[in-house]
Amino acid sequence: MKVKIEGDKIIKAVKKLDGIEMVLENAGDAKEALDLILRKAGLLKRGDFGVLKDLKVSSFQEYRTSAVDYKMVFLVEFIFEEGAAADIKVQIIKDLQEFFSKV
């Protein structure tokens, strides 16, 4: 399962949780920031988060109206344990998206 997360939201979340303003130049930076967020936000403390094995992050630019008006967006792929229930997968992704909607 994959979701999009805007780079600005990731930066705001790290600033809120850790008090530092990260610069996201690439997918590696975003992966590091997401690992910090998952650790600090308490999202991994729930029992069903044990089915989340890893995150794969890639990046792309989303153009709003022209080539100069764009935002960096990160595509986050959730890697789950074999046989993880679909409702648990959906809940994990939903919790993360709700967290970013509050940032």
C-alpha atoms as a PDB file:
ATOM      1  CA  MET A   1       0.000   0.000   0.000  1.00  0.00           C
ATOM      2  CA  LYS A   2       1.250   3.475  -0.867  1.00  0.00           C
ATOM      3  CA  VAL A   3       0.333   7.019   0.153  1.00  0.00           C
ATOM      4  CA  LYS A   4       1.533  10.512  -0.747  1.00  0.00           C
ATOM      5  CA  ILE A   5       2.842  12.891   1.908  1.00  0.00           C
ATOM      6  CA  GLU A   6       3.891  16.456   1.154  1.00  0.00           C
ATOM      7  CA  GLY A   7       7.437  17.341   2.155  1.00  0.00           C
ATOM      8  CA  ASP A   8       6.249  20.419   4.053  1.00  0.00           C
ATOM      9  CA  LYS A   9       4.080  18.257   6.313  1.00  0.00           C
ATOM     10  CA  ILE A  10       7.009  15.984   7.123  1.00  0.00           C
ATOM     11  CA  ILE A  11       9.185  19.003   7.950  1.00  0.00           C
ATOM     12  CA  LYS A  12       6.478  20.482  10.215  1.00  0.00           C
ATOM     13  CA  ALA A  13       5.998  17.177  12.022  1.00  0.00           C
ATOM     14  CA  VAL A  14       9.718  16.788  12.776  1.00  0.00           C
ATOM     15  CA  LYS A  15       9.854  20.412  13.955  1.00  0.00           C
ATOM     16  CA  LYS A  16       6.872  19.812  16.245  1.00  0.00           C
ATOM     17  CA  LEU A  17       8.134  16.512  17.678  1.00  0.00           C
ATOM     18  CA  ASP A  18      11.912  17.024  17.831  1.00  0.00           C
ATOM     19  CA  GLY A  19      12.322  20.791  17.627  1.00  0.00           C
ATOM     20  CA  ILE A  20      14.564  20.687  14.567  1.00  0.00           C
ATOM     21  CA  GLU A  21      13.870  21.920  11.066  1.00  0.00           C
ATOM     22  CA  MET A  22      15.039  19.275   8.625  1.00  0.00           C
ATOM     23  CA  VAL A  23      15.838  19.832   4.987  1.00  0.00           C
ATOM     24  CA  LEU A  24      14.413  17.164   2.720  1.00  0.00           C
ATOM     25  CA  GLU A  25      16.554  16.953  -0.397  1.00  0.00           C
ATOM     26  CA  ASN A  26      15.730  13.391  -1.339  1.00  0.00           C
ATOM     27  CA  ALA A  27      13.862  10.218  -0.422  1.00  0.00           C
ATOM     28  CA  GLY A  28      16.607   9.189   2.034  1.00  0.00           C
ATOM     29  CA  ASP A  29      16.088  12.365   4.036  1.00  0.00           C
ATOM     30  CA  ALA A  30      12.329  11.777   4.047  1.00  0.00           C
ATOM     31  CA  LYS A  31      12.791   8.158   5.200  1.00  0.00           C
ATOM     32  CA  GLU A  32      14.966   9.328   8.082  1.00  0.00           C
ATOM     33  CA  ALA A  33      12.391  11.967   9.026  1.00  0.00           C
ATOM     34  CA  LEU A  34       9.510   9.470   8.863  1.00  0.00           C
ATOM     35  CA  ASP A  35      11.426   7.071  11.103  1.00  0.00           C
ATOM     36  CA  LEU A  36      11.824   9.908  13.644  1.00  0.00           C
ATOM     37  CA  ILE A  37       8.128  10.751  13.382  1.00  0.00           C
ATOM     38  CA  LEU A  38       6.968   7.169  13.844  1.00  0.00           C
ATOM     39  CA  ARG A  39       9.211   6.763  16.867  1.00  0.00           C
ATOM     40  CA  LYS A  40       8.314  10.056  18.547  1.00  0.00           C
ATOM     41  CA  ALA A  41       4.609  10.294  17.700  1.00  0.00           C
ATOM     42  CA  GLY A  42       3.867   7.065  19.542  1.00  0.00           C
ATOM     43  CA  LEU A  43       2.359   5.519  16.445  1.00  0.00           C
ATOM     44  CA  LEU A  44       4.505   2.401  16.775  1.00  0.00           C
ATOM     45  CA  LYS A  45       3.491   1.663  20.369  1.00  0.00           C
ATOM     46  CA  ARG A  46       0.181   0.094  19.417  1.00  0.00           C
ATOM     47  CA  GLY A  47       0.242  -3.673  19.233  1.00  0.00           C
ATOM     48  CA  ASP A  48      -0.814  -3.919  15.602  1.00  0.00           C
ATOM     49  CA  PHE A  49       2.145  -1.829  14.443  1.00  0.00           C
ATOM     50  CA  GLY A  50       4.269  -4.965  14.797  1.00  0.00           C
ATOM     51  CA  VAL A  51       3.024  -6.001  11.365  1.00  0.00           C
ATOM     52  CA  LEU A  52       4.746  -2.981   9.790  1.00  0.00           C
ATOM     53  CA  LYS A  53       8.171  -4.204   8.671  1.00  0.00           C
ATOM     54  CA  ASP A  54       9.489  -1.169   6.839  1.00  0.00           C
ATOM     55  CA  LEU A  55       8.762   1.910   4.759  1.00  0.00           C
ATOM     56  CA  LYS A  56      10.053   2.550   1.254  1.00  0.00           C
ATOM     57  CA  VAL A  57      10.172   6.202   0.258  1.00  0.00           C
ATOM     58  CA  SER A  58      10.498   7.764  -3.171  1.00  0.00           C
ATOM     59  CA  SER A  59      10.066  11.372  -4.222  1.00  0.00           C
ATOM     60  CA  PHE A  60       8.583  13.381  -7.052  1.00  0.00           C
ATOM     61  CA  GLN A  61       7.588  16.949  -7.761  1.00  0.00           C
ATOM     62  CA  GLU A  62       3.931  17.821  -8.090  1.00  0.00           C
ATOM     63  CA  TYR A  63       3.332  20.865 -10.264  1.00  0.00           C
ATOM     64  CA  ARG A  64       0.437  23.093  -9.248  1.00  0.00           C
ATOM     65  CA  THR A  65       0.069  25.554 -12.116  1.00  0.00           C
ATOM     66  CA  SER A  66       3.450  25.841 -13.814  1.00  0.00           C
ATOM     67  CA  ALA A  67       6.995  24.492 -13.836  1.00  0.00           C
ATOM     68  CA  VAL A  68       8.020  27.014 -11.188  1.00  0.00           C
ATOM     69  CA  ASP A  69       5.090  26.392  -8.840  1.00  0.00           C
ATOM     70  CA  TYR A  70       5.671  22.925  -7.428  1.00  0.00           C
ATOM     71  CA  LYS A  71       5.899  21.040  -4.156  1.00  0.00           C
ATOM     72  CA  MET A  72       8.034  18.069  -3.192  1.00  0.00           C
ATOM     73  CA  VAL A  73       5.903  15.016  -2.522  1.00  0.00           C
ATOM     74  CA  PHE A  74       7.056  11.718  -1.098  1.00  0.00           C
ATOM     75  CA  LEU A  75       5.494   8.402  -1.975  1.00  0.00           C
ATOM     76  CA  VAL A  76       5.546   6.148   1.077  1.00  0.00           C
ATOM     77  CA  GLU A  77       5.142   2.415   0.552  1.00  0.00           C
ATOM     78  CA  PHE A  78       4.251   0.382   3.619  1.00  0.00           C
ATOM     79  CA  ILE A  79       5.883  -3.048   3.824  1.00  0.00           C
ATOM     80  CA  PHE A  80       3.873  -5.373   6.064  1.00  0.00           C
ATOM     81  CA  GLU A  81       4.488  -8.816   7.528  1.00  0.00           C
ATOM     82  CA  GLU A  82       3.264 -11.695   5.391  1.00  0.00           C
ATOM     83  CA  GLY A  83      -0.375 -12.450   6.156  1.00  0.00           C
ATOM     84  CA  ALA A  84      -1.147  -9.174   7.941  1.00  0.00           C
ATOM     85  CA  ALA A  85      -4.876  -8.509   8.046  1.00  0.00           C
ATOM     86  CA  ALA A  86      -6.158  -5.865   5.638  1.00  0.00           C
ATOM     87  CA  ASP A  87      -8.046  -3.984   8.361  1.00  0.00           C
ATOM     88  CA  ILE A  88      -4.859  -3.621  10.432  1.00  0.00           C
ATOM     89  CA  LYS A  89      -2.961  -2.333   7.381  1.00  0.00           C
ATOM     90  CA  VAL A  90      -5.680   0.213   6.699  1.00  0.00           C
ATOM     91  CA  GLN A  91      -5.746   1.338  10.343  1.00  0.00           C
ATOM     92  CA  ILE A  92      -1.983   1.899  10.434  1.00  0.00           C
ATOM     93  CA  ILE A  93      -2.075   4.011   7.281  1.00  0.00           C
ATOM     94  CA  LYS A  94      -5.154   5.878   8.476  1.00  0.00           C
ATOM     95  CA  ASP A  95      -3.471   6.699  11.824  1.00  0.00           C
ATOM     96  CA  LEU A  96      -0.427   8.096  10.028  1.00  0.00           C
ATOM     97  CA  GLN A  97      -2.558  10.171   7.656  1.00  0.00           C
ATOM     98  CA  GLU A  98      -4.609  11.534  10.564  1.00  0.00           C
ATOM     99  CA  PHE A  99      -1.386  12.517  12.312  1.00  0.00           C
ATOM    100  CA  PHE A 100      -0.241  14.478   9.246  1.00  0.00           C
ATOM    101  CA  SER A 101      -3.627  16.142   8.858  1.00  0.00           C
ATOM    102  CA  LYS A 102      -3.212  17.595  12.370  1.00  0.00           C
ATOM    103  CA  VAL A 103       0.285  18.972  11.705  1.00  0.00           C
END
